[in-house]
Amino acid sequence: MSLSFRSMRVDEIEPCADLWVETWADTYPAIDFTARRGWFVERFRSYVAGRVHAEIALNGEGIIQGLVSIDPVTGHIDQFAVKRAARGQGVAHHLMDHAKTLAPGFLHLDVNVDNHRAIAFYEREGFKRIREGFSASGKPSYFYEWVSGRD
């Protein structure tokens, strides 16, 4: 799949919110992520206007396939999502490669301990588990980091 990457525009926050809801609903079907959609929209409005990069992956037809939000100063990845129909086509790998170019050679994130698909992905991408703890939402989490040249 041919992909391009660029910063998210304000008019793309709503379709990206749909992608985010789809991704999380697939991961945790018992949780109503549609009810949390407003949180995403407000968070990404602040990202688009601020220092955190909200980046999207587009296919050859210009359709959004994935998103990542990353603070280029701290290297923190807050959100990472790929459209259901694009999974298994290398979109996540290419999107993560793009994210690695936006930070100063260091990325970090947390992932819920029961999100096995995400854990496997991050480990394939060279992230190393550095500790266990709790996410901002209070869920048991693993904390991962990636350092350039350590892969």
C-alpha atoms as a PDB file:
ATOM      1  CA  MET A   1       0.000   0.000   0.000  1.00  0.00           C
ATOM      2  CA  SER A   2       1.321   3.402  -1.007  1.00  0.00           C
ATOM      3  CA  LEU A   3       1.215   5.851   1.909  1.00  0.00           C
ATOM      4  CA  SER A   4       1.941   9.490   2.535  1.00  0.00           C
ATOM      5  CA  PHE A   5       2.111  11.278   5.872  1.00  0.00           C
ATOM      6  CA  ARG A   6       1.270  14.773   6.987  1.00  0.00           C
ATOM      7  CA  SER A   7      -0.056  16.809   9.862  1.00  0.00           C
ATOM      8  CA  MET A   8      -3.747  16.452  10.617  1.00  0.00           C
ATOM      9  CA  ARG A   9      -5.933  19.431   9.717  1.00  0.00           C
ATOM     10  CA  VAL A  10      -8.774  20.644  11.910  1.00  0.00           C
ATOM     11  CA  ASP A  11     -11.348  19.396   9.383  1.00  0.00           C
ATOM     12  CA  GLU A  12      -9.866  15.883   9.697  1.00  0.00           C
ATOM     13  CA  ILE A  13     -10.334  15.566  13.455  1.00  0.00           C
ATOM     14  CA  GLU A  14     -13.884  14.215  13.126  1.00  0.00           C
ATOM     15  CA  PRO A  15     -13.011  11.380  10.689  1.00  0.00           C
ATOM     16  CA  CYS A  16      -9.937  10.621  12.800  1.00  0.00           C
ATOM     17  CA  ALA A  17     -12.204  10.407  15.849  1.00  0.00           C
ATOM     18  CA  ASP A  18     -14.262   7.803  13.980  1.00  0.00           C
ATOM     19  CA  LEU A  19     -11.079   5.838  13.250  1.00  0.00           C
ATOM     20  CA  TRP A  20     -10.038   6.094  16.914  1.00  0.00           C
ATOM     21  CA  VAL A  21     -13.447   4.871  18.132  1.00  0.00           C
ATOM     22  CA  GLU A  22     -13.326   1.953  15.654  1.00  0.00           C
ATOM     23  CA  THR A  23      -9.833   0.939  16.769  1.00  0.00           C
ATOM     24  CA  TRP A  24     -10.549   1.050  20.473  1.00  0.00           C
ATOM     25  CA  ALA A  25     -13.966  -0.600  20.121  1.00  0.00           C
ATOM     26  CA  ASP A  26     -12.247  -3.492  18.328  1.00  0.00           C
ATOM     27  CA  THR A  27      -9.720  -3.754  21.164  1.00  0.00           C
ATOM     28  CA  TYR A  28     -12.166  -3.398  24.059  1.00  0.00           C
ATOM     29  CA  PRO A  29     -15.683  -4.167  22.762  1.00  0.00           C
ATOM     30  CA  ALA A  30     -17.235  -3.976  26.244  1.00  0.00           C
ATOM     31  CA  ILE A  31     -16.341  -0.266  26.541  1.00  0.00           C
ATOM     32  CA  ASP A  32     -18.438   2.409  24.840  1.00  0.00           C
ATOM     33  CA  PHE A  33     -15.799   4.425  23.004  1.00  0.00           C
ATOM     34  CA  THR A  34     -18.455   6.373  21.141  1.00  0.00           C
ATOM     35  CA  ALA A  35     -19.205   7.998  24.502  1.00  0.00           C
ATOM     36  CA  ARG A  36     -15.496   8.937  24.753  1.00  0.00           C
ATOM     37  CA  ARG A  37     -15.343  10.414  21.250  1.00  0.00           C
ATOM     38  CA  GLY A  38     -15.698  13.985  22.552  1.00  0.00           C
ATOM     39  CA  TRP A  39     -12.555  13.520  24.638  1.00  0.00           C
ATOM     40  CA  PHE A  40     -10.617  12.587  21.504  1.00  0.00           C
ATOM     41  CA  VAL A  41     -11.984  15.535  19.505  1.00  0.00           C
ATOM     42  CA  GLU A  42     -11.045  18.065  22.195  1.00  0.00           C
ATOM     43  CA  ARG A  43      -7.632  16.505  22.758  1.00  0.00           C
ATOM     44  CA  PHE A  44      -6.797  16.560  19.047  1.00  0.00           C
ATOM     45  CA  ARG A  45      -8.064  20.126  18.625  1.00  0.00           C
ATOM     46  CA  SER A  46      -5.427  21.108  21.180  1.00  0.00           C
ATOM     47  CA  TYR A  47      -2.817  18.966  19.418  1.00  0.00           C
ATOM     48  CA  VAL A  48      -3.487  20.495  15.998  1.00  0.00           C
ATOM     49  CA  ALA A  49      -3.165  23.972  17.544  1.00  0.00           C
ATOM     50  CA  GLY A  50      -0.203  23.147  19.806  1.00  0.00           C
ATOM     51  CA  ARG A  51       3.201  21.521  19.905  1.00  0.00           C
ATOM     52  CA  VAL A  52       2.062  17.885  19.865  1.00  0.00           C
ATOM     53  CA  HIS A  53       2.140  16.496  16.345  1.00  0.00           C
ATOM     54  CA  ALA A  54      -1.083  14.884  15.194  1.00  0.00           C
ATOM     55  CA  GLU A  55      -0.034  12.996  12.074  1.00  0.00           C
ATOM     56  CA  ILE A  56      -2.061  10.950   9.623  1.00  0.00           C
ATOM     57  CA  ALA A  57      -1.245   8.241   7.102  1.00  0.00           C
ATOM     58  CA  LEU A  58      -3.081   8.532   3.773  1.00  0.00           C
ATOM     59  CA  ASN A  59      -3.406   5.936   1.038  1.00  0.00           C
ATOM     60  CA  GLY A  60      -2.960   6.744  -2.650  1.00  0.00           C
ATOM     61  CA  GLU A  61      -6.550   8.006  -2.862  1.00  0.00           C
ATOM     62  CA  GLY A  62      -6.011  10.403   0.044  1.00  0.00           C
ATOM     63  CA  ILE A  63      -8.105   8.374   2.509  1.00  0.00           C
ATOM     64  CA  ILE A  64      -6.943   8.375   6.128  1.00  0.00           C
ATOM     65  CA  GLN A  65      -5.560   4.967   7.114  1.00  0.00           C
ATOM     66  CA  GLY A  66      -4.040   5.723  10.501  1.00  0.00           C
ATOM     67  CA  LEU A  67      -3.016   8.351  13.017  1.00  0.00           C
ATOM     68  CA  VAL A  68      -0.374   8.998  15.611  1.00  0.00           C
ATOM     69  CA  SER A  69       0.070  11.783  18.131  1.00  0.00           C
ATOM     70  CA  ILE A  70       3.568  12.462  19.365  1.00  0.00           C
ATOM     71  CA  ASP A  71       5.213  15.157  21.421  1.00  0.00           C
ATOM     72  CA  PRO A  72       8.414  15.921  19.497  1.00  0.00           C
ATOM     73  CA  VAL A  73      10.083  17.362  22.604  1.00  0.00           C
ATOM     74  CA  THR A  74       9.484  14.473  25.007  1.00  0.00           C
ATOM     75  CA  GLY A  75       9.005  11.665  22.461  1.00  0.00           C
ATOM     76  CA  HIS A  76       5.718  10.613  24.084  1.00  0.00           C
ATOM     77  CA  ILE A  77       3.263   8.800  21.831  1.00  0.00           C
ATOM     78  CA  ASP A  78      -0.208   9.430  23.178  1.00  0.00           C
ATOM     79  CA  GLN A  79      -2.418   7.832  20.511  1.00  0.00           C
ATOM     80  CA  PHE A  80      -1.748   5.355  17.704  1.00  0.00           C
ATOM     81  CA  ALA A  81      -4.514   3.860  15.581  1.00  0.00           C
ATOM     82  CA  VAL A  82      -4.940   2.145  12.216  1.00  0.00           C
ATOM     83  CA  LYS A  83      -8.181   1.777  10.296  1.00  0.00           C
ATOM     84  CA  ARG A  84      -9.657  -1.720  10.521  1.00  0.00           C
ATOM     85  CA  ALA A  85      -9.613  -2.221   6.744  1.00  0.00           C
ATOM     86  CA  ALA A  86      -5.914  -1.246   6.582  1.00  0.00           C
ATOM     87  CA  ARG A  87      -4.635  -3.617   9.265  1.00  0.00           C
ATOM     88  CA  GLY A  88      -2.190  -6.263   8.128  1.00  0.00           C
ATOM     89  CA  GLN A  89      -1.002  -4.142   5.181  1.00  0.00           C
ATOM     90  CA  GLY A  90       2.045  -2.503   6.765  1.00  0.00           C
ATOM     91  CA  VAL A  91       0.311   0.773   7.624  1.00  0.00           C
ATOM     92  CA  ALA A  92       1.161   0.550  11.335  1.00  0.00           C
ATOM     93  CA  HIS A  93       4.830  -0.195  10.603  1.00  0.00           C
ATOM     94  CA  HIS A  94       5.163   2.732   8.166  1.00  0.00           C
ATOM     95  CA  LEU A  95       3.265   5.055  10.510  1.00  0.00           C
ATOM     96  CA  MET A  96       5.612   4.125  13.361  1.00  0.00           C
ATOM     97  CA  ASP A  97       8.633   4.694  11.115  1.00  0.00           C
ATOM     98  CA  HIS A  98       7.214   8.146  10.399  1.00  0.00           C
ATOM     99  CA  ALA A  99       6.723   8.797  14.132  1.00  0.00           C
ATOM    100  CA  LYS A 100      10.363   7.871  14.752  1.00  0.00           C
ATOM    101  CA  THR A 101      11.434  10.718  12.451  1.00  0.00           C
ATOM    102  CA  LEU A 102       9.459  13.280  14.474  1.00  0.00           C
ATOM    103  CA  ALA A 103      11.150  12.818  17.836  1.00  0.00           C
ATOM    104  CA  PRO A 104      14.736  13.351  18.970  1.00  0.00           C
ATOM    105  CA  GLY A 105      15.777   9.682  18.661  1.00  0.00           C
ATOM    106  CA  PHE A 106      13.653   8.580  21.591  1.00  0.00           C
ATOM    107  CA  LEU A 107      10.000   7.514  21.891  1.00  0.00           C
ATOM    108  CA  HIS A 108       8.004   6.251  24.834  1.00  0.00           C
ATOM    109  CA  LEU A 109       4.453   5.113  25.442  1.00  0.00           C
ATOM    110  CA  ASP A 110       2.297   3.046  27.723  1.00  0.00           C
ATOM    111  CA  VAL A 111       0.043   0.183  26.729  1.00  0.00           C
ATOM    112  CA  ASN A 112      -2.571  -1.718  28.723  1.00  0.00           C
ATOM    113  CA  VAL A 113      -1.227  -5.103  29.824  1.00  0.00           C
ATOM    114  CA  ASP A 114      -4.181  -6.890  28.201  1.00  0.00           C
ATOM    115  CA  ASN A 115      -3.723  -5.199  24.792  1.00  0.00           C
ATOM    116  CA  HIS A 116      -1.744  -8.128  23.379  1.00  0.00           C
ATOM    117  CA  ARG A 117      -1.933  -7.051  19.732  1.00  0.00           C
ATOM    118  CA  ALA A 118      -0.438  -3.636  20.539  1.00  0.00           C
ATOM    119  CA  ILE A 119       2.250  -5.152  22.780  1.00  0.00           C
ATOM    120  CA  ALA A 120       3.348  -7.535  20.011  1.00  0.00           C
ATOM    121  CA  PHE A 121       3.414  -4.664  17.517  1.00  0.00           C
ATOM    122  CA  TYR A 122       5.494  -2.324  19.699  1.00  0.00           C
ATOM    123  CA  GLU A 123       7.981  -5.077  20.479  1.00  0.00           C
ATOM    124  CA  ARG A 124       8.336  -5.892  16.742  1.00  0.00           C
ATOM    125  CA  GLU A 125       9.009  -2.179  16.187  1.00  0.00           C
ATOM    126  CA  GLY A 126      11.965  -2.240  18.590  1.00  0.00           C
ATOM    127  CA  PHE A 127      10.308  -0.870  21.724  1.00  0.00           C
ATOM    128  CA  LYS A 128      11.629  -2.305  25.000  1.00  0.00           C
ATOM    129  CA  ARG A 129       9.520  -2.741  28.111  1.00  0.00           C
ATOM    130  CA  ILE A 130      11.062  -0.634  30.845  1.00  0.00           C
ATOM    131  CA  ARG A 131       8.567  -1.009  33.684  1.00  0.00           C
ATOM    132  CA  GLU A 132       5.069  -1.865  34.797  1.00  0.00           C
ATOM    133  CA  GLY A 133       2.646   0.505  36.418  1.00  0.00           C
ATOM    134  CA  PHE A 134      -0.680   2.193  35.799  1.00  0.00           C
ATOM    135  CA  SER A 135      -1.844   4.384  32.948  1.00  0.00           C
ATOM    136  CA  ALA A 136      -3.362   7.829  33.471  1.00  0.00           C
ATOM    137  CA  SER A 137      -6.766   6.108  33.430  1.00  0.00           C
ATOM    138  CA  GLY A 138      -5.682   3.736  36.210  1.00  0.00           C
ATOM    139  CA  LYS A 139      -5.343   0.585  34.089  1.00  0.00           C
ATOM    140  CA  PRO A 140      -2.392  -1.774  34.658  1.00  0.00           C
ATOM    141  CA  SER A 141       0.100  -0.855  31.950  1.00  0.00           C
ATOM    142  CA  TYR A 142       3.502  -1.596  30.557  1.00  0.00           C
ATOM    143  CA  PHE A 143       5.738   1.336  29.766  1.00  0.00           C
ATOM    144  CA  TYR A 144       7.876   1.039  26.655  1.00  0.00           C
ATOM    145  CA  GLU A 145      10.633   3.055  25.065  1.00  0.00           C
ATOM    146  CA  TRP A 146      12.423   3.076  21.737  1.00  0.00           C
ATOM    147  CA  VAL A 147      15.887   4.572  21.357  1.00  0.00           C
ATOM    148  CA  SER A 148      17.379   5.261  17.929  1.00  0.00           C
ATOM    149  CA  GLY A 149      20.215   2.877  17.083  1.00  0.00           C
ATOM    150  CA  ARG A 150      19.261   0.360  19.746  1.00  0.00           C
ATOM    151  CA  ASP A 151      17.047  -1.798  17.498  1.00  0.00           C
END
